């Protein structure tokens, strides 16, 4: 895995990643529910949508809007296994380890704290 500092240093150079911002609805949801609850949702999304060796709908499993975590996943390149491989050096074709899941969650938390 690449260190988060390295990834976050490179993210601003991607026009695609930089276009993601929390909208009013996602911002309100984050404020209303609180970061711990939203990160609980993130853990669930990671487990169900990213952790399997062959995730269903790979490359299309994360919506582009509707939840703060979805926005954060696209902004941090943690939206699919292909992006995890390219940006985070987390290999495809096998389930995520606990350390890799924690890495994804830490990336999401860092982005949400900076944007939320």
N, C-alpha and C. Protein backbone atom coordinates (compact mmCIF):
# COMPACT_ATOMS: atom_id res chain seq x y z
N UNK A 1 0.84 -1.19 0.00
CA UNK A 1 0.00 0.00 0.00
C UNK A 1 0.88 1.25 0.00
N UNK A 2 0.42 2.22 -0.71
CA UNK A 2 1.13 3.50 -0.69
C UNK A 2 0.69 4.29 0.55
N UNK A 3 1.59 5.07 1.11
CA UNK A 3 1.22 5.91 2.25
C UNK A 3 0.17 6.95 1.84
N UNK A 4 -0.74 7.25 2.77
CA UNK A 4 -1.80 8.21 2.46
C UNK A 4 -1.24 9.59 2.14
N UNK A 5 -0.15 9.98 2.78
CA UNK A 5 0.43 11.29 2.47
C UNK A 5 0.83 11.37 1.00
N UNK A 6 1.38 10.29 0.48
CA UNK A 6 1.77 10.24 -0.94
C UNK A 6 0.54 10.33 -1.84
N UNK A 7 -0.50 9.60 -1.51
CA UNK A 7 -1.72 9.61 -2.31
C UNK A 7 -2.37 10.98 -2.28
N UNK A 8 -2.49 11.56 -1.08
CA UNK A 8 -3.14 12.86 -0.96
C UNK A 8 -2.32 13.96 -1.62
N UNK A 9 -1.03 13.79 -1.77
CA UNK A 9 -0.20 14.75 -2.49
C UNK A 9 -0.47 14.68 -3.99
N UNK A 10 -0.85 13.50 -4.49
CA UNK A 10 -1.08 13.32 -5.93
C UNK A 10 -2.53 13.61 -6.35
N UNK A 11 -3.46 13.43 -5.45
CA UNK A 11 -4.88 13.62 -5.80
C UNK A 11 -5.18 15.01 -6.38
N UNK A 12 -4.57 16.08 -5.88
CA UNK A 12 -4.88 17.40 -6.45
C UNK A 12 -4.48 17.55 -7.92
N UNK A 13 -3.65 16.66 -8.41
CA UNK A 13 -3.21 16.73 -9.81
C UNK A 13 -4.17 16.02 -10.76
N UNK A 14 -5.19 15.39 -10.22
CA UNK A 14 -6.18 14.70 -11.04
C UNK A 14 -7.42 15.58 -11.17
N UNK A 15 -7.69 16.04 -12.36
CA UNK A 15 -8.90 16.85 -12.57
C UNK A 15 -10.15 16.09 -12.20
N UNK A 16 -10.17 14.80 -12.51
CA UNK A 16 -11.34 13.98 -12.18
C UNK A 16 -11.55 13.93 -10.67
N UNK A 17 -10.52 13.64 -9.91
CA UNK A 17 -10.64 13.51 -8.45
C UNK A 17 -10.97 14.85 -7.80
N UNK A 18 -10.47 15.93 -8.34
CA UNK A 18 -10.68 17.24 -7.75
C UNK A 18 -12.11 17.77 -7.93
N UNK A 19 -12.85 17.22 -8.84
CA UNK A 19 -14.20 17.74 -9.08
C UNK A 19 -15.20 17.30 -8.01
N UNK A 20 -14.82 16.38 -7.15
CA UNK A 20 -15.75 15.87 -6.15
C UNK A 20 -15.73 16.73 -4.89
N UNK A 21 -16.89 17.23 -4.56
CA UNK A 21 -17.12 18.03 -3.36
C UNK A 21 -18.45 17.60 -2.77
N UNK A 22 -18.57 17.73 -1.48
CA UNK A 22 -19.86 17.42 -0.86
C UNK A 22 -20.87 18.50 -1.24
N UNK A 23 -22.03 18.05 -1.72
CA UNK A 23 -23.12 18.97 -2.00
C UNK A 23 -23.82 19.34 -0.70
N UNK A 24 -24.80 20.20 -0.80
CA UNK A 24 -25.53 20.65 0.39
C UNK A 24 -26.19 19.48 1.11
N UNK A 25 -26.78 18.56 0.36
CA UNK A 25 -27.47 17.43 0.98
C UNK A 25 -26.48 16.51 1.70
N UNK A 26 -25.35 16.22 1.07
CA UNK A 26 -24.34 15.35 1.70
C UNK A 26 -23.71 16.04 2.92
N UNK A 27 -23.49 17.34 2.80
CA UNK A 27 -22.95 18.11 3.93
C UNK A 27 -23.92 18.09 5.11
N UNK A 28 -25.20 18.28 4.82
CA UNK A 28 -26.21 18.25 5.87
C UNK A 28 -26.30 16.87 6.50
N UNK A 29 -26.21 15.84 5.69
CA UNK A 29 -26.26 14.47 6.20
C UNK A 29 -25.08 14.21 7.14
N UNK A 30 -23.91 14.62 6.73
CA UNK A 30 -22.71 14.44 7.55
C UNK A 30 -22.85 15.20 8.87
N UNK A 31 -23.34 16.41 8.80
CA UNK A 31 -23.52 17.21 10.02
C UNK A 31 -24.57 16.60 10.93
N UNK A 32 -25.66 16.14 10.35
CA UNK A 32 -26.76 15.58 11.14
C UNK A 32 -26.38 14.25 11.78
N UNK A 33 -25.81 13.35 11.01
CA UNK A 33 -25.48 12.01 11.50
C UNK A 33 -24.18 11.97 12.30
N UNK A 34 -23.25 12.83 11.93
CA UNK A 34 -21.95 12.86 12.58
C UNK A 34 -20.95 11.93 11.91
N UNK A 35 -19.69 12.27 12.04
CA UNK A 35 -18.63 11.50 11.39
C UNK A 35 -18.58 10.04 11.84
N UNK A 36 -18.72 9.73 13.13
CA UNK A 36 -18.67 8.31 13.52
C UNK A 36 -19.73 7.45 12.83
N UNK A 37 -20.94 7.96 12.69
CA UNK A 37 -22.00 7.20 12.02
C UNK A 37 -21.70 7.04 10.54
N UNK A 38 -21.26 8.11 9.91
CA UNK A 38 -20.93 8.06 8.48
C UNK A 38 -19.77 7.11 8.24
N UNK A 39 -18.78 7.08 9.12
CA UNK A 39 -17.68 6.14 8.97
C UNK A 39 -18.14 4.70 9.19
N UNK A 40 -19.16 4.51 10.02
CA UNK A 40 -19.77 3.18 10.15
C UNK A 40 -20.38 2.73 8.84
N UNK A 41 -21.04 3.67 8.16
CA UNK A 41 -21.57 3.35 6.83
C UNK A 41 -20.43 3.02 5.88
N UNK A 42 -19.33 3.76 5.99
CA UNK A 42 -18.17 3.52 5.12
C UNK A 42 -17.63 2.11 5.33
N UNK A 43 -17.54 1.67 6.59
CA UNK A 43 -17.06 0.31 6.87
C UNK A 43 -17.95 -0.72 6.16
N UNK A 44 -19.24 -0.50 6.23
CA UNK A 44 -20.18 -1.42 5.57
C UNK A 44 -19.99 -1.40 4.06
N UNK A 45 -19.87 -0.22 3.48
CA UNK A 45 -19.67 -0.12 2.03
C UNK A 45 -18.37 -0.80 1.61
N UNK A 46 -17.32 -0.60 2.39
CA UNK A 46 -16.02 -1.23 2.08
C UNK A 46 -16.17 -2.75 2.11
N UNK A 47 -16.80 -3.25 3.15
CA UNK A 47 -16.96 -4.69 3.31
C UNK A 47 -17.77 -5.31 2.17
N UNK A 48 -18.87 -4.66 1.83
CA UNK A 48 -19.77 -5.23 0.83
C UNK A 48 -19.35 -4.94 -0.61
N UNK A 49 -18.79 -3.76 -0.87
CA UNK A 49 -18.56 -3.32 -2.24
C UNK A 49 -17.12 -3.40 -2.71
N UNK A 50 -16.16 -3.38 -1.78
CA UNK A 50 -14.74 -3.37 -2.17
C UNK A 50 -13.95 -4.59 -1.72
N UNK A 51 -14.28 -5.13 -0.56
CA UNK A 51 -13.46 -6.18 0.04
C UNK A 51 -13.43 -7.50 -0.71
N UNK A 52 -14.51 -7.92 -1.37
CA UNK A 52 -14.45 -9.21 -2.07
C UNK A 52 -13.37 -9.24 -3.16
N UNK A 53 -12.88 -10.43 -3.43
CA UNK A 53 -11.87 -10.59 -4.48
C UNK A 53 -12.41 -10.15 -5.84
N UNK A 54 -13.66 -10.43 -6.10
CA UNK A 54 -14.32 -10.06 -7.36
C UNK A 54 -15.61 -9.31 -7.03
N UNK A 55 -15.53 -8.01 -6.71
CA UNK A 55 -16.74 -7.28 -6.34
C UNK A 55 -17.76 -7.26 -7.48
N UNK A 56 -19.02 -7.32 -7.10
CA UNK A 56 -20.10 -7.20 -8.09
C UNK A 56 -20.02 -5.82 -8.73
N UNK A 57 -20.25 -5.77 -10.02
CA UNK A 57 -20.26 -4.52 -10.77
C UNK A 57 -18.95 -3.74 -10.64
N UNK A 58 -17.84 -4.43 -10.64
CA UNK A 58 -16.54 -3.78 -10.50
C UNK A 58 -16.43 -2.59 -11.45
N UNK A 59 -16.04 -1.47 -10.89
CA UNK A 59 -15.92 -0.23 -11.65
C UNK A 59 -17.18 0.59 -11.68
N UNK A 60 -18.28 0.01 -11.25
CA UNK A 60 -19.56 0.72 -11.26
C UNK A 60 -20.30 0.53 -9.93
N UNK A 61 -19.61 0.03 -8.91
CA UNK A 61 -20.28 -0.31 -7.67
C UNK A 61 -20.51 0.89 -6.75
N UNK A 62 -19.87 2.02 -7.02
CA UNK A 62 -20.01 3.18 -6.16
C UNK A 62 -20.74 4.30 -6.89
N UNK A 63 -21.92 4.67 -6.41
CA UNK A 63 -22.66 5.78 -7.03
C UNK A 63 -21.85 7.08 -6.97
N UNK A 64 -22.16 8.00 -7.84
CA UNK A 64 -21.44 9.27 -7.91
C UNK A 64 -21.99 10.30 -6.92
N UNK A 65 -23.14 10.03 -6.31
CA UNK A 65 -23.74 10.98 -5.38
C UNK A 65 -24.71 10.24 -4.47
N UNK A 66 -25.25 10.95 -3.49
CA UNK A 66 -26.28 10.37 -2.64
C UNK A 66 -25.83 10.08 -1.22
N UNK A 67 -24.53 10.02 -0.96
CA UNK A 67 -24.02 9.76 0.39
C UNK A 67 -22.61 10.36 0.46
N UNK A 68 -22.26 10.98 1.60
CA UNK A 68 -20.92 11.57 1.69
C UNK A 68 -19.79 10.58 1.41
N UNK A 69 -19.99 9.33 1.80
CA UNK A 69 -18.94 8.33 1.58
C UNK A 69 -18.74 8.08 0.09
N UNK A 70 -19.81 8.04 -0.69
CA UNK A 70 -19.67 7.81 -2.13
C UNK A 70 -18.82 8.92 -2.76
N UNK A 71 -19.09 10.16 -2.37
CA UNK A 71 -18.32 11.29 -2.90
C UNK A 71 -16.85 11.14 -2.49
N UNK A 72 -16.64 10.82 -1.22
CA UNK A 72 -15.28 10.66 -0.71
C UNK A 72 -14.55 9.52 -1.40
N UNK A 73 -15.26 8.44 -1.70
CA UNK A 73 -14.61 7.32 -2.38
C UNK A 73 -14.09 7.73 -3.75
N UNK A 74 -14.88 8.48 -4.50
CA UNK A 74 -14.40 8.92 -5.81
C UNK A 74 -13.27 9.93 -5.67
N UNK A 75 -13.37 10.82 -4.69
CA UNK A 75 -12.34 11.85 -4.49
C UNK A 75 -11.01 11.24 -4.07
N UNK A 76 -11.05 10.11 -3.37
CA UNK A 76 -9.83 9.49 -2.86
C UNK A 76 -9.39 8.25 -3.64
N UNK A 77 -10.05 7.96 -4.74
CA UNK A 77 -9.72 6.80 -5.57
C UNK A 77 -9.86 5.49 -4.80
N UNK A 78 -10.89 5.43 -3.95
CA UNK A 78 -11.20 4.20 -3.20
C UNK A 78 -12.57 3.69 -3.62
N UNK A 79 -12.97 3.99 -4.82
CA UNK A 79 -14.31 3.67 -5.32
C UNK A 79 -14.42 2.27 -5.91
N UNK A 80 -13.33 1.69 -6.37
CA UNK A 80 -13.37 0.35 -6.97
C UNK A 80 -11.98 -0.28 -6.84
N UNK A 81 -11.92 -1.57 -7.12
CA UNK A 81 -10.64 -2.27 -6.98
C UNK A 81 -9.62 -1.80 -8.01
N UNK A 82 -10.07 -1.40 -9.18
CA UNK A 82 -9.16 -0.89 -10.21
C UNK A 82 -8.48 0.38 -9.72
N UNK A 83 -9.25 1.29 -9.13
CA UNK A 83 -8.67 2.53 -8.60
C UNK A 83 -7.79 2.25 -7.39
N UNK A 84 -8.20 1.30 -6.55
CA UNK A 84 -7.36 0.93 -5.41
C UNK A 84 -6.00 0.41 -5.89
N UNK A 85 -6.00 -0.36 -6.97
CA UNK A 85 -4.74 -0.88 -7.50
C UNK A 85 -3.88 0.24 -8.07
N UNK A 86 -4.49 1.10 -8.86
CA UNK A 86 -3.75 2.17 -9.53
C UNK A 86 -3.21 3.21 -8.55
N UNK A 87 -4.05 3.68 -7.66
CA UNK A 87 -3.69 4.79 -6.78
C UNK A 87 -3.06 4.34 -5.46
N UNK A 88 -3.54 3.23 -4.92
CA UNK A 88 -3.14 2.82 -3.57
C UNK A 88 -2.21 1.59 -3.55
N UNK A 89 -1.96 1.00 -4.73
CA UNK A 89 -1.12 -0.19 -4.85
C UNK A 89 -1.67 -1.36 -4.04
N UNK A 90 -3.00 -1.49 -4.05
CA UNK A 90 -3.67 -2.62 -3.42
C UNK A 90 -4.10 -3.57 -4.54
N UNK A 91 -3.53 -4.74 -4.61
CA UNK A 91 -3.78 -5.64 -5.74
C UNK A 91 -5.24 -6.08 -5.86
N UNK A 92 -5.63 -6.35 -7.08
CA UNK A 92 -6.95 -6.90 -7.37
C UNK A 92 -6.89 -8.42 -7.31
N UNK A 93 -8.05 -9.06 -7.41
CA UNK A 93 -8.10 -10.51 -7.54
C UNK A 93 -8.03 -11.29 -6.25
N UNK A 94 -8.05 -10.61 -5.13
CA UNK A 94 -8.06 -11.28 -3.83
C UNK A 94 -8.82 -10.39 -2.86
N UNK A 95 -9.35 -10.96 -1.79
CA UNK A 95 -10.07 -10.12 -0.82
C UNK A 95 -9.13 -9.11 -0.16
N UNK A 96 -9.68 -7.98 0.24
CA UNK A 96 -8.89 -7.00 0.97
C UNK A 96 -8.54 -7.55 2.35
N UNK A 97 -7.35 -7.24 2.80
CA UNK A 97 -6.94 -7.61 4.15
C UNK A 97 -7.54 -6.59 5.14
N UNK A 98 -7.49 -6.91 6.41
CA UNK A 98 -7.96 -5.96 7.43
C UNK A 98 -7.17 -4.67 7.36
N UNK A 99 -5.87 -4.76 7.14
CA UNK A 99 -5.03 -3.56 7.04
C UNK A 99 -5.43 -2.71 5.84
N UNK A 100 -5.76 -3.34 4.72
CA UNK A 100 -6.18 -2.60 3.52
C UNK A 100 -7.54 -1.94 3.74
N UNK A 101 -8.45 -2.63 4.40
CA UNK A 101 -9.75 -2.03 4.73
C UNK A 101 -9.54 -0.81 5.63
N UNK A 102 -8.66 -0.93 6.60
CA UNK A 102 -8.36 0.20 7.50
C UNK A 102 -7.74 1.36 6.73
N UNK A 103 -6.91 1.06 5.75
CA UNK A 103 -6.29 2.08 4.90
C UNK A 103 -7.36 2.85 4.12
N UNK A 104 -8.31 2.12 3.53
CA UNK A 104 -9.40 2.76 2.78
C UNK A 104 -10.21 3.64 3.72
N UNK A 105 -10.56 3.12 4.87
CA UNK A 105 -11.34 3.89 5.83
C UNK A 105 -10.58 5.15 6.27
N UNK A 106 -9.29 5.03 6.49
CA UNK A 106 -8.49 6.19 6.88
C UNK A 106 -8.46 7.25 5.78
N UNK A 107 -8.40 6.82 4.53
CA UNK A 107 -8.43 7.77 3.41
C UNK A 107 -9.77 8.51 3.38
N UNK A 108 -10.84 7.77 3.57
CA UNK A 108 -12.17 8.39 3.56
C UNK A 108 -12.33 9.37 4.72
N UNK A 109 -11.88 8.95 5.90
CA UNK A 109 -11.99 9.82 7.07
C UNK A 109 -11.18 11.11 6.86
N UNK A 110 -9.98 10.96 6.35
CA UNK A 110 -9.12 12.13 6.12
C UNK A 110 -9.79 13.10 5.15
N UNK A 111 -10.35 12.59 4.08
CA UNK A 111 -11.00 13.46 3.11
C UNK A 111 -12.23 14.11 3.71
N UNK A 112 -13.05 13.34 4.40
CA UNK A 112 -14.27 13.90 5.00
C UNK A 112 -13.94 14.95 6.05
N UNK A 113 -12.89 14.76 6.81
CA UNK A 113 -12.49 15.77 7.81
C UNK A 113 -12.04 17.06 7.13
N UNK A 114 -11.41 16.92 5.99
CA UNK A 114 -10.93 18.10 5.27
C UNK A 114 -12.00 18.80 4.47
N UNK A 115 -13.04 18.08 4.10
CA UNK A 115 -14.09 18.62 3.23
C UNK A 115 -15.42 18.81 3.95
N UNK A 116 -15.63 18.01 4.99
CA UNK A 116 -16.92 17.98 5.66
C UNK A 116 -17.18 19.13 6.57
